């Protein structure tokens, strides 16, 4: 489990193709605090550490990314040089500063608007129809692993929706969100409570 509060930005240093993808990700963590088998959310995708090394502040870890994961996530994410939002798994007693995040991507959205408004960034993100009923104004949504609050929502006749976000300077400085441009794909995870509502709605139908 995660909170959607990013603790570091890492960079994909190496991509190896051997069945599944193996990524080597550089990061400013202490490698002694990264356990083999531990979960780290990489731009919203929960992945398992299979190797790690380096020194404190200049560490690296390796993860395997299955074909299924690649097919369900933003396609530009798994390449050398790509920056990733990182969050280590929540521990008992940690502050829950964001909201409960599972690290399971529900859909890929697309940034349709980026503009600067009063010193902050205003983003609009359009979602596929299958998750639009579970995005709510003032509700929580995870975008590339970052816990955010939906400011406003526009529903479309084709079942898709566009939600609006206000990103303050601190958030874009400590995450990759400041790099996003219109047209970019992003990993989306709906609120965990909405997951249960989604399941109940499916069974009711």
Protein backbone atom coordinates (compact mmCIF):
# COMPACT_ATOMS: atom_id res chain seq x y z
CA UNK A 1 0.00 0.00 0.00
CA UNK A 2 1.08 3.57 -0.71
CA UNK A 3 -0.13 7.11 -0.02
CA UNK A 4 0.54 8.91 -3.30
CA UNK A 5 3.10 11.18 -1.59
CA UNK A 6 6.23 10.99 -3.73
CA UNK A 7 9.50 10.55 -1.84
CA UNK A 8 11.95 10.74 -4.77
CA UNK A 9 12.22 11.07 -8.52
CA UNK A 10 14.23 8.29 -10.15
CA UNK A 11 15.54 7.79 -13.67
CA UNK A 12 15.41 4.66 -15.80
CA UNK A 13 19.12 3.99 -16.29
CA UNK A 14 18.93 0.75 -18.23
CA UNK A 15 16.31 -1.36 -20.00
CA UNK A 16 17.02 -5.03 -20.67
CA UNK A 17 14.81 -7.17 -22.91
CA UNK A 18 14.83 -10.79 -21.69
CA UNK A 19 11.26 -12.08 -21.71
CA UNK A 20 9.89 -9.45 -19.34
CA UNK A 21 11.50 -6.03 -19.22
CA UNK A 22 14.12 -5.52 -16.55
CA UNK A 23 14.62 -1.90 -15.59
CA UNK A 24 17.51 -0.49 -13.60
CA UNK A 25 16.36 2.72 -11.91
CA UNK A 26 18.72 5.21 -10.29
CA UNK A 27 17.44 7.04 -7.22
CA UNK A 28 18.59 9.07 -4.20
CA UNK A 29 17.55 6.41 -1.65
CA UNK A 30 19.88 4.55 0.72
CA UNK A 31 20.32 1.08 -0.83
CA UNK A 32 20.56 -0.46 2.66
CA UNK A 33 16.95 0.68 3.20
CA UNK A 34 15.75 -1.07 0.03
CA UNK A 35 14.98 -4.74 0.68
CA UNK A 36 15.03 -7.37 -2.03
CA UNK A 37 11.37 -8.26 -2.59
CA UNK A 38 10.16 -4.86 -1.38
CA UNK A 39 7.51 -2.94 -3.31
CA UNK A 40 8.20 0.46 -4.82
CA UNK A 41 5.60 2.43 -6.74
CA UNK A 42 7.13 3.70 -10.00
CA UNK A 43 4.90 6.45 -11.43
CA UNK A 44 1.92 4.67 -9.90
CA UNK A 45 2.92 1.10 -10.76
CA UNK A 46 3.72 -1.23 -7.87
CA UNK A 47 6.90 -3.16 -8.77
CA UNK A 48 9.08 -5.61 -6.84
CA UNK A 49 12.77 -4.97 -6.20
CA UNK A 50 14.90 -7.85 -7.52
CA UNK A 51 18.36 -6.23 -7.23
CA UNK A 52 19.78 -3.13 -5.62
CA UNK A 53 23.10 -1.39 -5.07
CA UNK A 54 25.01 1.87 -5.06
CA UNK A 55 25.56 4.21 -2.14
CA UNK A 56 23.32 6.40 0.01
CA UNK A 57 22.07 9.24 -2.16
CA UNK A 58 23.26 7.53 -5.33
CA UNK A 59 21.49 4.17 -5.29
CA UNK A 60 19.87 1.98 -7.90
CA UNK A 61 17.37 -0.84 -7.90
CA UNK A 62 16.13 -3.27 -10.55
CA UNK A 63 12.56 -4.40 -11.23
CA UNK A 64 10.92 -6.75 -13.72
CA UNK A 65 7.98 -5.37 -15.71
CA UNK A 66 5.67 -7.96 -17.26
CA UNK A 67 4.12 -7.68 -20.70
CA UNK A 68 0.72 -7.27 -19.05
CA UNK A 69 1.97 -4.30 -17.04
CA UNK A 70 3.52 -2.70 -20.10
CA UNK A 71 0.23 -3.07 -22.02
CA UNK A 72 -1.81 -1.43 -19.25
CA UNK A 73 0.38 1.58 -18.52
CA UNK A 74 1.59 4.74 -20.24
CA UNK A 75 3.63 3.53 -23.19
CA UNK A 76 6.41 6.12 -22.96
CA UNK A 77 7.20 5.12 -19.39
CA UNK A 78 9.46 2.12 -19.93
CA UNK A 79 12.46 3.66 -21.71
CA UNK A 80 15.98 4.66 -20.73
CA UNK A 81 16.17 8.24 -19.50
CA UNK A 82 12.54 8.41 -18.38
CA UNK A 83 11.98 10.03 -14.99
CA UNK A 84 9.68 8.19 -12.58
CA UNK A 85 7.86 9.23 -9.42
CA UNK A 86 8.97 6.88 -6.63
CA UNK A 87 7.32 5.91 -3.37
CA UNK A 88 8.37 3.11 -1.06
CA UNK A 89 5.62 1.02 0.53
CA UNK A 90 3.74 2.38 3.52
CA UNK A 91 4.86 1.15 6.95
CA UNK A 92 2.70 0.90 10.05
CA UNK A 93 2.94 4.20 11.88
CA UNK A 94 3.76 6.25 8.77
CA UNK A 95 1.78 9.42 8.18
CA UNK A 96 -1.05 8.98 5.67
CA UNK A 97 -0.55 12.32 3.94
CA UNK A 98 -2.35 11.51 0.70
CA UNK A 99 -4.90 8.72 0.35
CA UNK A 100 -4.78 4.93 0.20
CA UNK A 101 -3.11 3.93 -3.07
CA UNK A 102 -2.61 0.33 -4.21
CA UNK A 103 -0.17 0.82 -7.07
CA UNK A 104 -2.52 -0.88 -9.55
CA UNK A 105 -3.22 1.21 -12.66
CA UNK A 106 -6.91 1.33 -13.61
CA UNK A 107 -6.51 3.11 -16.93
CA UNK A 108 -4.27 5.34 -19.00
CA UNK A 109 -5.45 8.92 -19.40
CA UNK A 110 -4.26 11.69 -21.67
CA UNK A 111 -3.34 15.26 -20.75
CA UNK A 112 -5.53 17.51 -22.89
CA UNK A 113 -4.64 20.89 -21.39
CA UNK A 114 -1.72 22.46 -19.55
CA UNK A 115 -1.77 26.11 -18.59
CA UNK A 116 -0.26 28.31 -15.90
CA UNK A 117 -2.85 29.98 -13.67
CA UNK A 118 -1.78 32.24 -10.83
CA UNK A 119 1.56 30.54 -10.28
CA UNK A 120 0.12 27.02 -10.34
CA UNK A 121 -0.39 24.61 -13.21
CA UNK A 122 -3.87 23.73 -14.42
CA UNK A 123 -4.07 20.31 -16.05
CA UNK A 124 -7.03 18.66 -17.75
CA UNK A 125 -6.87 14.88 -18.12
CA UNK A 126 -9.30 12.86 -20.24
CA UNK A 127 -10.12 9.32 -19.05
CA UNK A 128 -11.46 6.23 -20.81
CA UNK A 129 -15.18 5.60 -20.41
CA UNK A 130 -14.72 2.57 -18.14
CA UNK A 131 -13.41 4.62 -15.21
CA UNK A 132 -15.19 7.94 -15.73
CA UNK A 133 -18.08 7.03 -13.37
CA UNK A 134 -15.55 6.66 -10.56
CA UNK A 135 -13.93 10.08 -10.84
CA UNK A 136 -15.65 12.65 -8.62
CA UNK A 137 -15.27 16.37 -7.99
CA UNK A 138 -13.28 16.90 -4.75
CA UNK A 139 -12.48 13.19 -4.76
CA UNK A 140 -9.00 11.67 -4.87
CA UNK A 141 -7.24 10.34 -7.96
CA UNK A 142 -3.68 9.12 -8.49
CA UNK A 143 -1.88 10.48 -11.54
CA UNK A 144 1.50 8.89 -12.27
CA UNK A 145 1.63 7.86 -8.62
CA UNK A 146 0.79 11.30 -7.20
CA UNK A 147 -2.23 11.69 -4.90
CA UNK A 148 -4.31 14.62 -6.19
CA UNK A 149 -7.73 16.19 -5.68
CA UNK A 150 -10.13 16.61 -8.59
CA UNK A 151 -11.12 20.28 -8.87
CA UNK A 152 -13.78 19.99 -11.55
CA UNK A 153 -15.20 17.44 -13.95
CA UNK A 154 -16.66 17.47 -17.47
CA UNK A 155 -18.66 14.47 -18.72
CA UNK A 156 -18.78 13.73 -22.45
CA UNK A 157 -21.45 12.07 -24.57
CA UNK A 158 -19.16 9.15 -25.46
CA UNK A 159 -18.87 8.18 -21.79
CA UNK A 160 -15.40 9.61 -21.27
CA UNK A 161 -14.75 12.45 -18.88
CA UNK A 162 -12.20 15.19 -18.42
CA UNK A 163 -11.10 16.10 -14.91
CA UNK A 164 -9.20 19.20 -13.86
CA UNK A 165 -6.27 19.49 -11.47
CA UNK A 166 -4.43 22.38 -9.85
CA UNK A 167 -0.75 21.57 -9.29
CA UNK A 168 1.04 23.87 -6.83
CA UNK A 169 4.74 24.72 -7.35
CA UNK A 170 5.95 22.37 -4.59
CA UNK A 171 4.21 19.41 -6.20
CA UNK A 172 5.58 19.97 -9.68
CA UNK A 173 9.08 20.60 -8.27
CA UNK A 174 9.28 17.28 -6.36
CA UNK A 175 7.50 15.10 -8.96
CA UNK A 176 7.52 14.63 -12.72
CA UNK A 177 4.19 16.43 -13.15
CA UNK A 178 5.89 19.67 -14.14
CA UNK A 179 7.26 17.90 -17.22
CA UNK A 180 3.84 16.86 -18.53
CA UNK A 181 2.59 18.42 -21.74
CA UNK A 182 -0.70 18.23 -23.63
CA UNK A 183 -0.87 14.89 -25.43
CA UNK A 184 1.15 12.94 -22.83
CA UNK A 185 -0.23 9.70 -21.40
CA UNK A 186 -0.51 9.27 -17.62
CA UNK A 187 -1.21 6.30 -15.34
CA UNK A 188 -4.49 6.66 -13.44
CA UNK A 189 -5.68 4.89 -10.31
CA UNK A 190 -9.15 5.57 -8.96
CA UNK A 191 -9.76 5.87 -5.23
CA UNK A 192 -9.86 2.50 -3.47
CA UNK A 193 -13.42 3.15 -2.26
CA UNK A 194 -14.45 3.69 -5.87
CA UNK A 195 -13.03 0.25 -6.68
CA UNK A 196 -15.61 -1.35 -4.40
CA UNK A 197 -18.37 0.83 -5.84
CA UNK A 198 -17.24 -0.26 -9.30
CA UNK A 199 -17.52 -3.92 -8.30
CA UNK A 200 -20.95 -3.46 -6.73
CA UNK A 201 -22.19 -1.57 -9.78
CA UNK A 202 -20.95 -4.35 -12.07
CA UNK A 203 -22.74 -7.03 -10.02
CA UNK A 204 -25.92 -4.97 -9.87
CA UNK A 205 -26.00 -4.69 -13.67
